[in-house]
Amino acid sequence: MSDLLLDIGQMREADARIERTYATDALRVDADLCRMAGPLHLDFAVHKDKDQFRLAGRVRTTIELSCCRCLTEYPMAVDEAFDVLFLPHTETRPDAEVEIEDDDLSSAYYRDQLIDLGQLMQEQIYLAVPMKPLCSECCLGLCPQCGLNLNTGSCGCTTAWEDPRLAVLRNLKKDE
């Protein structure tokens, strides 16, 4: 059995507190989005109510992102809180229409008395990644002509941009 799975069939008490630490390579994440740069710390409380389990706690780790302006790698601390209600998975007909309620957004499902903590941590990390990762708010990015990282130095490229579609009009003015 994987260490990323929580065996809820073994729970006898209604409430439990669980703390786990996983190695950097224990969780697979999309390499195009981020890279795990530190161990994963998972700390949560489990509340059992018949066949429903509420997990509330925090995921802490460090990920490495690529700045969308200058393309340098930089670390970002992740400290995300979660509160998810796990319900038993029920089979539905594939052609059945299902309406999603607001409560469904904080619900997940388990099978065979196992809750996948890896999926829970992966979701929290993906939610923590900013839409436009920036190494700093004042990142200057790359020079569009030579590709130099403008945070490390300046280049001699001209920054004046001329629309090539209007070059013909400039020639008309010179002819007169």
N, C-alpha and C. Protein backbone atom coordinates (compact mmCIF):
# COMPACT_ATOMS: atom_id res chain seq x y z
N MET A 1 0.84 -1.19 0.00
CA MET A 1 0.00 0.00 0.00
C MET A 1 0.88 1.24 0.00
N SER A 2 0.52 2.19 -0.80
CA SER A 2 1.29 3.42 -0.92
C SER A 2 1.15 4.25 0.36
N ASP A 3 2.19 4.97 0.66
CA ASP A 3 2.17 5.84 1.82
C ASP A 3 1.29 7.06 1.58
N LEU A 4 0.94 7.32 0.32
CA LEU A 4 0.09 8.45 -0.01
C LEU A 4 -1.40 8.13 0.12
N LEU A 5 -1.71 6.93 0.55
CA LEU A 5 -3.10 6.52 0.74
C LEU A 5 -3.42 6.47 2.22
N LEU A 6 -4.59 6.95 2.58
CA LEU A 6 -5.07 6.91 3.96
C LEU A 6 -6.11 5.80 4.04
N ASP A 7 -5.84 4.79 4.84
CA ASP A 7 -6.75 3.66 5.01
C ASP A 7 -7.77 4.02 6.08
N ILE A 8 -8.96 4.45 5.64
CA ILE A 8 -9.99 4.87 6.59
C ILE A 8 -10.73 3.68 7.18
N GLY A 9 -10.52 2.49 6.61
CA GLY A 9 -11.13 1.28 7.16
C GLY A 9 -10.55 0.92 8.52
N GLN A 10 -9.36 1.44 8.82
CA GLN A 10 -8.70 1.18 10.09
C GLN A 10 -9.08 2.17 11.19
N MET A 11 -9.83 3.22 10.82
CA MET A 11 -10.21 4.24 11.81
C MET A 11 -11.30 3.74 12.72
N ARG A 12 -11.03 3.73 14.01
CA ARG A 12 -12.02 3.31 15.01
C ARG A 12 -12.62 4.49 15.76
N GLU A 13 -11.83 5.57 15.86
CA GLU A 13 -12.28 6.76 16.57
C GLU A 13 -12.99 7.70 15.60
N ALA A 14 -13.82 8.59 16.14
CA ALA A 14 -14.53 9.56 15.29
C ALA A 14 -13.61 10.69 14.84
N ASP A 15 -12.58 11.00 15.63
CA ASP A 15 -11.66 12.07 15.30
C ASP A 15 -10.22 11.57 15.41
N ALA A 16 -9.40 12.05 14.50
CA ALA A 16 -7.98 11.70 14.53
C ALA A 16 -7.17 12.87 13.98
N ARG A 17 -5.92 12.95 14.42
CA ARG A 17 -5.00 13.98 13.94
C ARG A 17 -3.84 13.26 13.27
N ILE A 18 -3.51 13.67 12.05
CA ILE A 18 -2.47 12.99 11.28
C ILE A 18 -1.47 14.01 10.77
N GLU A 19 -0.19 13.71 10.97
CA GLU A 19 0.90 14.52 10.45
C GLU A 19 1.83 13.59 9.69
N ARG A 20 2.16 13.97 8.46
CA ARG A 20 3.05 13.17 7.63
C ARG A 20 3.99 14.09 6.87
N THR A 21 5.19 13.59 6.63
CA THR A 21 6.16 14.29 5.81
C THR A 21 6.60 13.34 4.71
N TYR A 22 6.60 13.84 3.48
CA TYR A 22 6.95 13.04 2.31
C TYR A 22 8.18 13.64 1.63
N ALA A 23 8.95 12.78 1.00
CA ALA A 23 10.12 13.23 0.25
C ALA A 23 9.68 14.03 -0.97
N THR A 24 10.60 14.78 -1.51
CA THR A 24 10.32 15.64 -2.67
C THR A 24 9.79 14.84 -3.86
N ASP A 25 10.31 13.64 -4.05
CA ASP A 25 9.92 12.84 -5.22
C ASP A 25 8.69 11.97 -4.97
N ALA A 26 8.04 12.11 -3.82
CA ALA A 26 6.87 11.28 -3.51
C ALA A 26 5.64 11.67 -4.31
N LEU A 27 5.60 12.91 -4.77
CA LEU A 27 4.42 13.43 -5.46
C LEU A 27 4.80 13.87 -6.86
N ARG A 28 4.05 13.41 -7.84
CA ARG A 28 4.28 13.82 -9.23
C ARG A 28 3.43 15.05 -9.52
N VAL A 29 4.10 16.06 -10.09
CA VAL A 29 3.40 17.26 -10.52
C VAL A 29 3.76 17.53 -11.97
N ASP A 30 2.94 18.31 -12.64
CA ASP A 30 3.17 18.66 -14.04
C ASP A 30 4.46 19.47 -14.14
N ALA A 31 5.47 18.93 -14.82
CA ALA A 31 6.78 19.58 -14.93
C ALA A 31 6.69 20.91 -15.67
N ASP A 32 5.70 21.11 -16.52
CA ASP A 32 5.54 22.39 -17.22
C ASP A 32 5.01 23.47 -16.29
N LEU A 33 4.39 23.07 -15.20
CA LEU A 33 3.79 24.01 -14.27
C LEU A 33 4.75 24.38 -13.13
N CYS A 34 5.33 23.37 -12.51
CA CYS A 34 6.24 23.61 -11.38
C CYS A 34 7.07 22.36 -11.13
N ARG A 35 8.02 22.49 -10.19
CA ARG A 35 8.86 21.37 -9.79
C ARG A 35 8.92 21.37 -8.27
N MET A 36 8.85 20.18 -7.68
CA MET A 36 8.94 20.07 -6.24
C MET A 36 10.37 20.39 -5.81
N ALA A 37 10.52 21.32 -4.86
CA ALA A 37 11.85 21.73 -4.43
C ALA A 37 12.11 21.44 -2.96
N GLY A 38 11.10 20.96 -2.25
CA GLY A 38 11.26 20.68 -0.83
C GLY A 38 10.33 19.58 -0.40
N PRO A 39 10.55 19.04 0.79
CA PRO A 39 9.68 17.98 1.28
C PRO A 39 8.24 18.48 1.50
N LEU A 40 7.30 17.57 1.43
CA LEU A 40 5.88 17.90 1.62
C LEU A 40 5.49 17.61 3.06
N HIS A 41 4.89 18.59 3.70
CA HIS A 41 4.40 18.41 5.07
C HIS A 41 2.88 18.46 5.02
N LEU A 42 2.26 17.42 5.50
CA LEU A 42 0.80 17.33 5.51
C LEU A 42 0.36 17.18 6.95
N ASP A 43 -0.52 18.06 7.39
CA ASP A 43 -1.01 18.07 8.76
C ASP A 43 -2.52 18.29 8.69
N PHE A 44 -3.30 17.33 9.16
CA PHE A 44 -4.74 17.47 9.05
C PHE A 44 -5.47 16.70 10.15
N ALA A 45 -6.71 17.09 10.35
CA ALA A 45 -7.61 16.41 11.27
C ALA A 45 -8.64 15.66 10.44
N VAL A 46 -9.01 14.48 10.91
CA VAL A 46 -10.02 13.67 10.24
C VAL A 46 -11.21 13.54 11.18
N HIS A 47 -12.38 13.86 10.66
CA HIS A 47 -13.61 13.65 11.42
C HIS A 47 -14.48 12.65 10.67
N LYS A 48 -14.80 11.57 11.34
CA LYS A 48 -15.59 10.49 10.74
C LYS A 48 -17.05 10.62 11.15
N ASP A 49 -17.94 10.59 10.15
CA ASP A 49 -19.38 10.62 10.40
C ASP A 49 -20.01 9.55 9.50
N LYS A 50 -20.19 8.36 10.04
CA LYS A 50 -20.67 7.19 9.31
C LYS A 50 -19.71 6.88 8.16
N ASP A 51 -20.13 7.09 6.91
CA ASP A 51 -19.24 6.81 5.79
C ASP A 51 -18.69 8.08 5.15
N GLN A 52 -18.84 9.21 5.84
CA GLN A 52 -18.28 10.48 5.37
C GLN A 52 -17.08 10.85 6.23
N PHE A 53 -16.05 11.40 5.58
CA PHE A 53 -14.84 11.78 6.28
C PHE A 53 -14.47 13.20 5.88
N ARG A 54 -14.35 14.08 6.89
CA ARG A 54 -13.95 15.46 6.63
C ARG A 54 -12.48 15.59 7.01
N LEU A 55 -11.68 16.01 6.03
CA LEU A 55 -10.26 16.25 6.25
C LEU A 55 -10.03 17.76 6.19
N ALA A 56 -9.49 18.30 7.27
CA ALA A 56 -9.20 19.74 7.34
C ALA A 56 -7.79 19.91 7.86
N GLY A 57 -6.99 20.65 7.11
CA GLY A 57 -5.61 20.85 7.53
C GLY A 57 -4.84 21.72 6.56
N ARG A 58 -3.50 21.47 6.50
CA ARG A 58 -2.61 22.28 5.68
C ARG A 58 -1.62 21.41 4.93
N VAL A 59 -1.24 21.90 3.75
CA VAL A 59 -0.14 21.33 2.96
C VAL A 59 0.94 22.40 2.91
N ARG A 60 2.17 22.00 3.27
CA ARG A 60 3.30 22.93 3.24
C ARG A 60 4.43 22.30 2.44
N THR A 61 5.01 23.08 1.54
CA THR A 61 6.15 22.62 0.75
C THR A 61 6.78 23.82 0.07
N THR A 62 7.81 23.57 -0.70
CA THR A 62 8.42 24.58 -1.55
C THR A 62 8.43 24.05 -2.97
N ILE A 63 7.97 24.88 -3.90
CA ILE A 63 8.00 24.50 -5.31
C ILE A 63 8.89 25.47 -6.06
N GLU A 64 9.32 25.07 -7.22
CA GLU A 64 10.14 25.93 -8.06
C GLU A 64 9.34 26.25 -9.32
N LEU A 65 9.24 27.54 -9.61
CA LEU A 65 8.48 28.02 -10.76
C LEU A 65 9.41 28.71 -11.74
N SER A 66 8.95 28.87 -12.96
CA SER A 66 9.68 29.60 -13.98
C SER A 66 8.97 30.94 -14.18
N CYS A 67 9.72 32.03 -14.01
CA CYS A 67 9.15 33.38 -14.16
C CYS A 67 8.65 33.54 -15.60
N CYS A 68 7.46 34.07 -15.77
CA CYS A 68 6.90 34.22 -17.12
C CYS A 68 7.49 35.41 -17.87
N ARG A 69 8.26 36.27 -17.21
CA ARG A 69 8.89 37.41 -17.89
C ARG A 69 10.35 37.14 -18.26
N CYS A 70 11.12 36.59 -17.30
CA CYS A 70 12.56 36.42 -17.55
C CYS A 70 12.99 34.96 -17.64
N LEU A 71 12.08 34.04 -17.39
CA LEU A 71 12.30 32.59 -17.51
C LEU A 71 13.27 32.01 -16.50
N THR A 72 13.65 32.76 -15.46
CA THR A 72 14.51 32.20 -14.42
C THR A 72 13.68 31.37 -13.45
N GLU A 73 14.31 30.36 -12.88
CA GLU A 73 13.65 29.51 -11.89
C GLU A 73 13.75 30.20 -10.53
N TYR A 74 12.67 30.16 -9.77
CA TYR A 74 12.69 30.75 -8.43
C TYR A 74 11.82 29.91 -7.51
N PRO A 75 12.16 29.85 -6.22
CA PRO A 75 11.37 29.06 -5.27
C PRO A 75 10.15 29.82 -4.78
N MET A 76 9.10 29.09 -4.45
CA MET A 76 7.90 29.68 -3.87
C MET A 76 7.41 28.77 -2.76
N ALA A 77 7.20 29.33 -1.59
CA ALA A 77 6.68 28.56 -0.46
C ALA A 77 5.18 28.35 -0.65
N VAL A 78 4.73 27.13 -0.38
CA VAL A 78 3.31 26.80 -0.45
C VAL A 78 2.84 26.47 0.95
N ASP A 79 1.79 27.13 1.39
CA ASP A 79 1.18 26.86 2.69
C ASP A 79 -0.32 27.01 2.48
N GLU A 80 -0.95 25.93 2.05
CA GLU A 80 -2.36 25.97 1.67
C GLU A 80 -3.22 25.20 2.67
N ALA A 81 -4.32 25.83 3.07
CA ALA A 81 -5.29 25.18 3.94
C ALA A 81 -6.34 24.48 3.08
N PHE A 82 -6.87 23.38 3.58
CA PHE A 82 -7.93 22.67 2.87
C PHE A 82 -8.96 22.16 3.86
N ASP A 83 -10.16 21.98 3.37
CA ASP A 83 -11.27 21.41 4.14
C ASP A 83 -12.13 20.68 3.13
N VAL A 84 -11.97 19.36 3.07
CA VAL A 84 -12.63 18.56 2.04
C VAL A 84 -13.44 17.46 2.69
N LEU A 85 -14.65 17.28 2.20
CA LEU A 85 -15.52 16.20 2.65
C LEU A 85 -15.40 15.06 1.66
N PHE A 86 -14.99 13.88 2.15
CA PHE A 86 -14.86 12.70 1.30
C PHE A 86 -16.08 11.82 1.49
N LEU A 87 -16.70 11.49 0.37
CA LEU A 87 -17.89 10.64 0.34
C LEU A 87 -17.56 9.35 -0.38
N PRO A 88 -18.29 8.27 -0.09
CA PRO A 88 -18.02 7.02 -0.82
C PRO A 88 -18.38 7.18 -2.29
N HIS A 89 -17.55 6.61 -3.16
CA HIS A 89 -17.78 6.69 -4.60
C HIS A 89 -18.97 5.79 -4.96
N THR A 90 -19.89 6.36 -5.73
CA THR A 90 -21.03 5.57 -6.20
C THR A 90 -20.98 5.53 -7.72
N GLU A 91 -21.31 4.42 -8.26
CA GLU A 91 -21.32 4.27 -9.72
C GLU A 91 -22.54 4.98 -10.29
N THR A 92 -22.33 5.78 -11.34
CA THR A 92 -23.44 6.43 -12.03
C THR A 92 -23.42 5.99 -13.48
N ARG A 93 -24.55 6.10 -14.10
CA ARG A 93 -24.61 5.76 -15.52
C ARG A 93 -23.81 6.80 -16.29
N PRO A 94 -23.03 6.39 -17.29
CA PRO A 94 -22.22 7.35 -18.04
C PRO A 94 -23.04 8.40 -18.78
N ASP A 95 -24.28 8.08 -19.16
CA ASP A 95 -25.10 9.04 -19.90
C ASP A 95 -26.00 9.87 -18.98
N ALA A 96 -25.89 9.65 -17.67
CA ALA A 96 -26.74 10.38 -16.74
C ALA A 96 -26.22 11.81 -16.55
N GLU A 97 -27.16 12.77 -16.57
CA GLU A 97 -26.80 14.15 -16.32
C GLU A 97 -26.75 14.38 -14.83
N VAL A 98 -25.69 15.08 -14.39
CA VAL A 98 -25.51 15.35 -12.98
C VAL A 98 -25.34 16.85 -12.81
N GLU A 99 -26.13 17.43 -11.91
CA GLU A 99 -26.02 18.85 -11.64
C GLU A 99 -25.08 19.04 -10.45
N ILE A 100 -24.12 19.94 -10.61
CA ILE A 100 -23.15 20.18 -9.56
C ILE A 100 -23.67 21.29 -8.65
N GLU A 101 -23.71 21.00 -7.37
CA GLU A 101 -24.13 21.97 -6.37
C GLU A 101 -22.90 22.67 -5.81
N ASP A 102 -23.11 23.76 -5.05
CA ASP A 102 -22.00 24.47 -4.43
C ASP A 102 -21.23 23.59 -3.46
N ASP A 103 -21.94 22.72 -2.74
CA ASP A 103 -21.28 21.83 -1.78
C ASP A 103 -20.37 20.83 -2.46
N ASP A 104 -20.64 20.50 -3.73
CA ASP A 104 -19.83 19.53 -4.45
C ASP A 104 -18.42 20.04 -4.72
N LEU A 105 -18.23 21.35 -4.69
CA LEU A 105 -16.91 21.91 -4.97
C LEU A 105 -15.93 21.65 -3.84
N SER A 106 -16.42 21.36 -2.66
CA SER A 106 -15.54 21.04 -1.54
C SER A 106 -15.68 19.58 -1.14
N SER A 107 -16.15 18.76 -2.07
CA SER A 107 -16.32 17.32 -1.82
C SER A 107 -15.45 16.53 -2.76
N ALA A 108 -15.05 15.36 -2.29
CA ALA A 108 -14.28 14.42 -3.11
C ALA A 108 -14.80 13.02 -2.79
N TYR A 109 -14.29 12.05 -3.49
CA TYR A 109 -14.79 10.69 -3.33
C TYR A 109 -13.64 9.72 -3.07
N TYR A 110 -13.96 8.66 -2.32
CA TYR A 110 -12.99 7.61 -2.04
C TYR A 110 -13.56 6.27 -2.45
N ARG A 111 -12.65 5.31 -2.69
CA ARG A 111 -13.03 3.94 -3.04
C ARG A 111 -12.26 2.97 -2.17
N ASP A 112 -12.83 1.84 -1.94
CA ASP A 112 -12.18 0.72 -1.24
C ASP A 112 -11.58 1.15 0.09
N GLN A 113 -12.25 2.04 0.80
CA GLN A 113 -11.82 2.50 2.12
C GLN A 113 -10.45 3.18 2.09
N LEU A 114 -10.09 3.78 0.93
CA LEU A 114 -8.81 4.47 0.79
C LEU A 114 -9.02 5.88 0.27
N ILE A 115 -8.39 6.85 0.93
CA ILE A 115 -8.41 8.24 0.48
C ILE A 115 -7.03 8.54 -0.09
N ASP A 116 -6.99 9.07 -1.30
CA ASP A 116 -5.74 9.38 -1.97
C ASP A 116 -5.23 10.75 -1.51
N LEU A 117 -4.28 10.73 -0.59
CA LEU A 117 -3.72 11.98 -0.09
C LEU A 117 -2.84 12.66 -1.14
N GLY A 118 -2.27 11.87 -2.05
CA GLY A 118 -1.45 12.43 -3.12
C GLY A 118 -2.26 13.35 -4.01
N GLN A 119 -3.47 12.92 -4.36
CA GLN A 119 -4.33 13.75 -5.19
C GLN A 119 -4.74 15.01 -4.44
N LEU A 120 -5.02 14.88 -3.15
CA LEU A 120 -5.38 16.03 -2.33
C LEU A 120 -4.25 17.05 -2.29
N MET A 121 -3.01 16.59 -2.07
CA MET A 121 -1.87 17.51 -2.03
C MET A 121 -1.59 18.11 -3.40
N GLN A 122 -1.72 17.31 -4.43
CA GLN A 122 -1.49 17.80 -5.80
C GLN A 122 -2.46 18.93 -6.14
N GLU A 123 -3.73 18.76 -5.80
CA GLU A 123 -4.72 19.81 -6.06
C GLU A 123 -4.37 21.09 -5.33
N GLN A 124 -3.95 20.98 -4.07
CA GLN A 124 -3.63 22.17 -3.29
C GLN A 124 -2.41 22.90 -3.86
N ILE A 125 -1.43 22.14 -4.34
CA ILE A 125 -0.25 22.76 -4.94
C ILE A 125 -0.62 23.45 -6.24
N TYR A 126 -1.43 22.80 -7.07
CA TYR A 126 -1.85 23.42 -8.33
C TYR A 126 -2.66 24.69 -8.08
N LEU A 127 -3.48 24.69 -7.05
CA LEU A 127 -4.26 25.89 -6.73
C LEU A 127 -3.37 27.03 -6.23
N ALA A 128 -2.22 26.70 -5.65
CA ALA A 128 -1.32 27.73 -5.12
C ALA A 128 -0.48 28.39 -6.20
N VAL A 129 -0.31 27.73 -7.34
CA VAL A 129 0.53 28.28 -8.41
C VAL A 129 -0.18 29.50 -9.02
N PRO A 130 0.51 30.65 -9.06
CA PRO A 130 -0.13 31.84 -9.65
C PRO A 130 -0.31 31.68 -11.15
N MET A 131 -1.29 32.40 -11.70
CA MET A 131 -1.54 32.34 -13.14
C MET A 131 -0.34 32.86 -13.94
N LYS A 132 0.29 33.91 -13.45
CA LYS A 132 1.49 34.47 -14.09
C LYS A 132 2.59 34.49 -13.04
N PRO A 133 3.38 33.43 -12.96
CA PRO A 133 4.45 33.40 -11.97
C PRO A 133 5.51 34.46 -12.26
N LEU A 134 5.84 35.27 -11.26
CA LEU A 134 6.85 36.32 -11.39
C LEU A 134 7.88 36.15 -10.29
N CYS A 135 9.16 36.24 -10.67
CA CYS A 135 10.23 36.14 -9.67
C CYS A 135 10.19 37.33 -8.74
N SER A 136 9.74 38.49 -9.24
CA SER A 136 9.50 39.68 -8.42
C SER A 136 8.54 40.58 -9.18
N GLU A 137 7.86 41.44 -8.46
CA GLU A 137 6.89 42.35 -9.09
C GLU A 137 7.57 43.31 -10.08
N CYS A 138 8.84 43.62 -9.84
CA CYS A 138 9.55 44.57 -10.70
C CYS A 138 10.45 43.86 -11.72
N CYS A 139 10.15 42.62 -12.05
CA CYS A 139 10.93 41.87 -13.04
C CYS A 139 10.85 42.58 -14.39
N LEU A 140 12.01 42.79 -15.00
CA LEU A 140 12.08 43.50 -16.28
C LEU A 140 11.93 42.59 -17.49
N GLY A 141 12.10 41.30 -17.29
CA GLY A 141 11.93 40.35 -18.39
C GLY A 141 13.15 40.24 -19.28
N LEU A 142 12.91 39.78 -20.51
CA LEU A 142 13.97 39.58 -21.50
C LEU A 142 13.91 40.64 -22.58
N CYS A 143 15.07 40.98 -23.13
CA CYS A 143 15.12 41.92 -24.26
C CYS A 143 14.49 41.23 -25.46
N PRO A 144 13.54 41.87 -26.14
CA PRO A 144 12.90 41.22 -27.28
C PRO A 144 13.82 41.03 -28.48
N GLN A 145 14.95 41.81 -28.56
CA GLN A 145 15.86 41.66 -29.69
C GLN A 145 16.94 40.61 -29.43
N CYS A 146 17.67 40.73 -28.32
CA CYS A 146 18.81 39.84 -28.09
C CYS A 146 18.55 38.75 -27.06
N GLY A 147 17.48 38.86 -26.27
CA GLY A 147 17.14 37.83 -25.31
C GLY A 147 17.86 37.95 -23.98
N LEU A 148 18.60 39.03 -23.73
CA LEU A 148 19.31 39.22 -22.47
C LEU A 148 18.32 39.42 -21.34
N ASN A 149 18.61 38.81 -20.19
CA ASN A 149 17.79 39.01 -19.00
C ASN A 149 18.05 40.43 -18.49
N LEU A 150 17.07 41.31 -18.60
CA LEU A 150 17.24 42.71 -18.24
C LEU A 150 17.36 42.94 -16.74
N ASN A 151 17.13 41.92 -15.92
CA ASN A 151 17.33 42.02 -14.48
C ASN A 151 18.81 41.95 -14.13
N THR A 152 19.62 41.34 -14.99
CA THR A 152 21.04 41.16 -14.71
C THR A 152 21.91 42.21 -15.40
N GLY A 153 21.39 42.92 -16.34
CA GLY A 153 22.17 43.94 -17.03
C GLY A 153 21.35 44.56 -18.15
N SER A 154 21.98 45.54 -18.82
CA SER A 154 21.28 46.18 -19.94
C SER A 154 22.04 45.88 -21.23
N CYS A 155 21.31 45.91 -22.31
CA CYS A 155 21.91 45.64 -23.62
C CYS A 155 21.89 46.92 -24.45
N GLY A 156 22.53 46.88 -25.60
CA GLY A 156 22.58 48.06 -26.46
C GLY A 156 21.50 48.07 -27.52
N CYS A 157 20.52 47.23 -27.39
CA CYS A 157 19.46 47.15 -28.40
C CYS A 157 18.56 48.38 -28.34
N THR A 158 18.04 48.77 -29.49
CA THR A 158 17.07 49.87 -29.51
C THR A 158 15.71 49.31 -29.14
N THR A 159 15.01 50.08 -28.36
CA THR A 159 13.70 49.61 -27.91
C THR A 159 12.56 50.27 -28.66
N ALA A 160 12.87 51.17 -29.58
CA ALA A 160 11.80 51.82 -30.35
C ALA A 160 11.25 50.82 -31.35
N TRP A 161 9.98 50.62 -31.29
CA TRP A 161 9.33 49.65 -32.18
C TRP A 161 8.56 50.41 -33.23
N GLU A 162 8.69 49.97 -34.47
CA GLU A 162 7.96 50.58 -35.57
C GLU A 162 7.09 49.51 -36.21
N ASP A 163 5.87 49.88 -36.47
CA ASP A 163 4.94 48.95 -37.10
C ASP A 163 5.31 48.80 -38.58
N PRO A 164 5.70 47.60 -39.02
CA PRO A 164 6.11 47.43 -40.42
C PRO A 164 4.97 47.69 -41.41
N ARG A 165 3.75 47.60 -40.97
CA ARG A 165 2.62 47.86 -41.87
C ARG A 165 2.51 49.34 -42.23
N LEU A 166 3.09 50.20 -41.41
CA LEU A 166 3.02 51.64 -41.65
C LEU A 166 4.28 52.20 -42.32
N ALA A 167 5.26 51.35 -42.62
CA ALA A 167 6.50 51.80 -43.23
C ALA A 167 6.25 52.44 -44.60
N VAL A 168 5.29 51.97 -45.35
CA VAL A 168 4.96 52.52 -46.66
C VAL A 168 4.51 53.97 -46.51
N LEU A 169 3.75 54.28 -45.49
CA LEU A 169 3.27 55.65 -45.28
C LEU A 169 4.43 56.59 -44.96
N ARG A 170 5.44 56.13 -44.23
CA ARG A 170 6.58 56.96 -43.91
C ARG A 170 7.37 57.28 -45.19
N ASN A 171 7.47 56.34 -46.11
CA ASN A 171 8.15 56.58 -47.38
C ASN A 171 7.42 57.60 -48.23
N LEU A 172 6.09 57.63 -48.17
CA LEU A 172 5.31 58.61 -48.92
C LEU A 172 5.61 60.03 -48.43
N LYS A 173 5.76 60.20 -47.17
CA LYS A 173 6.02 61.51 -46.59
C LYS A 173 7.42 62.01 -47.00
N LYS A 174 8.40 61.10 -47.08
CA LYS A 174 9.76 61.48 -47.47
C LYS A 174 9.82 61.89 -48.94
N ASP A 175 9.00 61.29 -49.82
CA ASP A 175 9.02 61.58 -51.24
C ASP A 175 8.51 63.00 -51.52
N GLU A 176 7.64 63.50 -50.72
CA GLU A 176 7.05 64.84 -50.96
C GLU A 176 8.01 65.84 -50.51
